[in-house]
Amino acid sequence: MKKRIKPKVKETISVKFQEIIEAEEWYQKSFEYENYSNFSFQTSEWNECTFKNISFEDVNLKEIGIMDCIFYNCDFSNSNFENQAFYRAEFYDCKFVGVSCFKTNFYDCLFQDCNLDYSNFSDCKMKSSEFTSCQLREARFHSNQFSQMEWNECNFSNLELIETSMRGEDVSSCNLEGLRADPKNLKGMIISIEQSYDLILLFGIIIR
């Protein structure tokens, strides 16, 4: 499996949002403890930036390209990331509840200890990316394309998986309870013996 490429973040300059509010690009900047909720961003690209304890709730971010950025403890709840791409981005302890990532692509990205409940990842391409210790309860994967992914100890409880092949995807450390999927899409998926009972229920098999 191809090794995930980490963000190329070099030295950054700490700034306040108001100082560069009209800049078209944020490059090598760092932000801490700011609230951008319900704001309409004018920037077109975030490159080699770090964000710590930032609120992006209910924000439209679909015009912004994100490359080589790291986010710590940020809240993106109910935000819109549609029709864009993330390159070499890392998210730690971030909240993505109810986020729309329709037709958004993720390349060499990491989500660690993130809450992605009720998020929509329909029509996404995900390559060389990793989800570790994440909550994905009742999230939606529809017509997704996965390549060289890692799924580590994630909660897929009641996750909806439609028209998405899981062939070769190792989810043996994840919680699959209540997984909603067409069984044909699970062919070739790697699971543990302990998870087999959850999948038997999915197939409608009765054990006596």
Protein backbone atom coordinates (compact mmCIF):
# COMPACT_ATOMS: atom_id res chain seq x y z
CA MET A 1 0.00 0.00 0.00
CA LYS A 2 1.23 3.47 -0.91
CA LYS A 3 2.32 5.47 2.11
CA ARG A 4 0.27 8.57 2.83
CA ILE A 5 2.10 11.82 2.04
CA LYS A 6 2.02 14.20 4.99
CA PRO A 7 1.31 17.95 4.71
CA LYS A 8 4.27 20.08 3.71
CA VAL A 9 3.80 22.75 6.35
CA LYS A 10 6.90 24.89 6.88
CA GLU A 11 7.22 27.95 9.10
CA THR A 12 3.95 29.78 9.59
CA ILE A 13 3.16 33.31 10.73
CA SER A 14 0.53 33.71 13.43
CA VAL A 15 -2.16 36.14 12.30
CA LYS A 16 -5.72 37.15 13.13
CA PHE A 17 -8.46 36.60 10.61
CA GLN A 18 -9.27 40.31 10.37
CA GLU A 19 -5.70 41.07 9.32
CA ILE A 20 -5.97 39.13 6.06
CA ILE A 21 -9.73 39.05 5.54
CA GLU A 22 -9.43 40.29 1.93
CA ALA A 23 -6.47 38.14 0.88
CA GLU A 24 -7.21 35.78 -2.02
CA GLU A 25 -4.80 33.17 -0.66
CA TRP A 26 -3.77 32.21 2.85
CA TYR A 27 -0.18 30.93 2.65
CA GLN A 28 1.99 29.78 5.57
CA LYS A 29 -0.34 31.29 8.18
CA SER A 30 -1.49 29.98 11.54
CA PHE A 31 -4.77 30.80 13.29
CA GLU A 32 -5.92 30.10 16.83
CA TYR A 33 -9.13 30.57 18.85
CA GLU A 34 -11.26 32.30 16.24
CA ASN A 35 -14.92 32.00 15.32
CA TYR A 36 -15.80 32.08 11.61
CA SER A 37 -19.35 30.72 12.04
CA ASN A 38 -21.78 31.72 9.28
CA PHE A 39 -19.03 33.68 7.50
CA SER A 40 -18.69 33.87 3.71
CA PHE A 41 -15.04 33.45 2.77
CA GLN A 42 -13.51 35.37 -0.14
CA THR A 43 -10.23 33.43 -0.26
CA SER A 44 -9.75 30.83 -2.96
CA GLU A 45 -6.95 28.73 -1.43
CA TRP A 46 -5.50 27.76 1.93
CA ASN A 47 -1.93 26.52 1.53
CA GLU A 48 0.52 25.39 4.24
CA CYS A 49 -1.62 26.75 7.08
CA THR A 50 -2.48 25.51 10.57
CA PHE A 51 -5.77 26.05 12.40
CA LYS A 52 -6.29 25.45 16.13
CA ASN A 53 -9.59 25.74 18.00
CA ILE A 54 -11.43 27.41 15.14
CA SER A 55 -15.21 27.33 14.59
CA PHE A 56 -16.37 26.98 10.98
CA GLU A 57 -19.98 26.09 11.83
CA ASP A 58 -22.53 26.58 9.05
CA VAL A 59 -19.87 27.96 6.69
CA ASN A 60 -19.83 27.58 2.91
CA LEU A 61 -16.31 26.40 2.03
CA LYS A 62 -16.94 24.95 -1.40
CA GLU A 63 -14.98 27.66 -3.26
CA ILE A 64 -11.80 27.12 -1.25
CA GLY A 65 -8.95 24.78 -2.20
CA ILE A 66 -7.18 23.21 0.78
CA MET A 67 -3.61 21.92 0.43
CA ASP A 68 -0.93 21.04 3.01
CA CYS A 69 -3.00 22.21 5.98
CA ILE A 70 -3.40 20.88 9.52
CA PHE A 71 -6.49 21.40 11.71
CA TYR A 72 -6.64 20.82 15.46
CA ASN A 73 -9.89 20.79 17.45
CA CYS A 74 -11.87 22.67 14.78
CA ASP A 75 -15.65 22.60 14.40
CA PHE A 76 -17.00 22.26 10.84
CA SER A 77 -20.53 21.19 11.84
CA ASN A 78 -23.14 21.66 9.09
CA SER A 79 -20.58 23.23 6.76
CA ASN A 80 -20.47 22.76 3.00
CA PHE A 81 -17.37 21.33 1.27
CA GLU A 82 -19.05 20.32 -1.98
CA ASN A 83 -17.18 19.99 -5.30
CA GLN A 84 -13.64 20.59 -4.12
CA ALA A 85 -10.48 18.69 -3.24
CA PHE A 86 -8.25 18.27 -0.22
CA TYR A 87 -4.58 17.50 -0.77
CA ARG A 88 -2.37 16.41 2.14
CA ALA A 89 -4.68 17.70 4.89
CA GLU A 90 -4.78 16.42 8.48
CA PHE A 91 -7.63 16.79 10.96
CA TYR A 92 -7.22 16.02 14.67
CA ASP A 93 -10.12 16.03 17.17
CA CYS A 94 -12.31 17.91 14.70
CA LYS A 95 -16.10 17.92 14.46
CA PHE A 96 -17.80 17.35 11.09
CA VAL A 97 -21.35 16.53 12.22
CA GLY A 98 -23.80 16.96 9.34
CA VAL A 99 -21.14 18.14 6.89
CA SER A 100 -21.79 17.88 3.14
CA CYS A 101 -18.77 16.66 1.16
CA PHE A 102 -20.71 15.80 -2.01
CA LYS A 103 -18.32 15.25 -4.95
CA THR A 104 -15.34 16.27 -2.82
CA ASN A 105 -12.06 14.39 -3.29
CA PHE A 106 -9.53 13.51 -0.60
CA TYR A 107 -5.91 12.71 -1.43
CA ASP A 108 -3.36 11.82 1.28
CA CYS A 109 -5.64 13.03 4.08
CA LEU A 110 -5.88 12.00 7.73
CA PHE A 111 -8.89 12.14 10.05
CA GLN A 112 -7.94 11.20 13.60
CA ASP A 113 -10.31 11.20 16.60
CA CYS A 114 -12.88 13.12 14.56
CA ASN A 115 -16.67 13.11 14.83
CA LEU A 116 -18.18 12.70 11.34
CA ASP A 117 -21.66 11.56 12.37
CA TYR A 118 -24.44 12.23 9.84
CA SER A 119 -21.92 13.48 7.26
CA ASN A 120 -22.49 13.02 3.53
CA PHE A 121 -19.56 11.73 1.46
CA SER A 122 -21.54 10.85 -1.67
CA ASP A 123 -19.71 10.73 -5.03
CA CYS A 124 -16.32 11.23 -3.37
CA LYS A 125 -12.95 9.88 -4.40
CA MET A 126 -10.66 8.97 -1.51
CA LYS A 127 -7.09 7.91 -2.16
CA SER A 128 -4.20 7.12 0.22
CA SER A 129 -6.18 8.54 3.13
CA GLU A 130 -6.72 7.36 6.70
CA PHE A 131 -9.57 7.41 9.22
CA THR A 132 -8.43 6.52 12.74
CA SER A 133 -10.65 6.37 15.86
CA CYS A 134 -13.40 8.34 14.10
CA GLN A 135 -17.17 8.36 14.63
CA LEU A 136 -19.06 7.83 11.36
CA ARG A 137 -22.48 6.95 12.77
CA GLU A 138 -25.26 7.29 10.21
CA ALA A 139 -22.84 8.81 7.72
CA ARG A 140 -23.54 8.31 4.02
CA PHE A 141 -21.17 6.85 1.40
CA HIS A 142 -22.91 6.73 -1.98
CA SER A 143 -21.08 6.01 -5.26
CA ASN A 144 -17.67 6.45 -3.64
CA GLN A 145 -14.32 5.31 -5.01
CA PHE A 146 -11.74 4.10 -2.49
CA SER A 147 -8.08 3.44 -3.22
CA GLN A 148 -5.32 2.55 -0.73
CA MET A 149 -7.39 3.54 2.29
CA GLU A 150 -6.88 2.80 6.00
CA TRP A 151 -9.79 2.38 8.43
CA ASN A 152 -8.63 2.01 12.04
CA GLU A 153 -11.01 1.51 14.99
CA CYS A 154 -13.81 3.61 13.49
CA ASN A 155 -17.48 3.45 14.41
CA PHE A 156 -19.55 2.63 11.30
CA SER A 157 -22.75 2.15 13.32
CA ASN A 158 -25.76 2.54 10.98
CA LEU A 159 -23.50 3.88 8.24
CA GLU A 160 -25.14 3.83 4.80
CA LEU A 161 -23.04 2.30 2.02
CA ILE A 162 -24.63 2.47 -1.43
CA GLU A 163 -23.14 1.61 -4.83
CA THR A 164 -19.66 1.67 -3.29
CA SER A 165 -17.31 -1.28 -3.60
CA MET A 166 -15.47 -2.24 -0.41
CA ARG A 167 -13.25 -4.80 -2.13
CA GLY A 168 -9.86 -4.88 -0.42
CA GLU A 169 -10.90 -2.43 2.30
CA ASP A 170 -9.77 -3.64 5.74
CA VAL A 171 -12.38 -2.66 8.33
CA SER A 172 -11.55 -5.50 10.75
CA SER A 173 -11.01 -3.11 13.67
CA CYS A 174 -14.21 -1.09 13.09
CA ASN A 175 -17.71 -1.31 14.56
CA LEU A 176 -20.08 -2.48 11.79
CA GLU A 177 -23.23 -2.74 13.90
CA GLY A 178 -26.29 -1.70 11.89
CA LEU A 179 -24.29 -1.19 8.69
CA ARG A 180 -26.71 -0.56 5.81
CA ALA A 181 -25.34 -1.83 2.51
CA ASP A 182 -26.08 -3.94 -0.53
CA PRO A 183 -24.28 -7.23 0.21
CA LYS A 184 -22.79 -7.27 -3.32
CA ASN A 185 -20.80 -4.13 -2.46
CA LEU A 186 -19.17 -5.93 0.49
CA LYS A 187 -17.59 -8.65 -1.61
CA GLY A 188 -13.86 -8.76 -0.89
CA MET A 189 -14.09 -6.55 2.22
CA ILE A 190 -11.75 -7.64 5.02
CA ILE A 191 -13.39 -8.22 8.42
CA SER A 192 -12.70 -10.06 11.68
CA ILE A 193 -14.44 -13.19 12.93
CA GLU A 194 -16.15 -11.09 15.61
CA GLN A 195 -17.74 -8.85 12.97
CA SER A 196 -19.28 -11.72 11.05
CA TYR A 197 -22.45 -11.71 13.20
CA ASP A 198 -23.23 -8.10 12.26
CA LEU A 199 -22.92 -8.98 8.58
CA ILE A 200 -25.05 -12.10 8.97
CA LEU A 201 -27.85 -9.83 10.18
CA LEU A 202 -27.33 -7.65 7.12
CA PHE A 203 -27.88 -10.66 4.88
CA GLY A 204 -31.08 -11.50 6.74
CA ILE A 205 -29.81 -14.88 7.92
CA ILE A 206 -31.43 -16.31 11.05
CA ILE A 207 -29.21 -18.22 13.51
CA ARG A 208 -30.81 -20.82 15.79
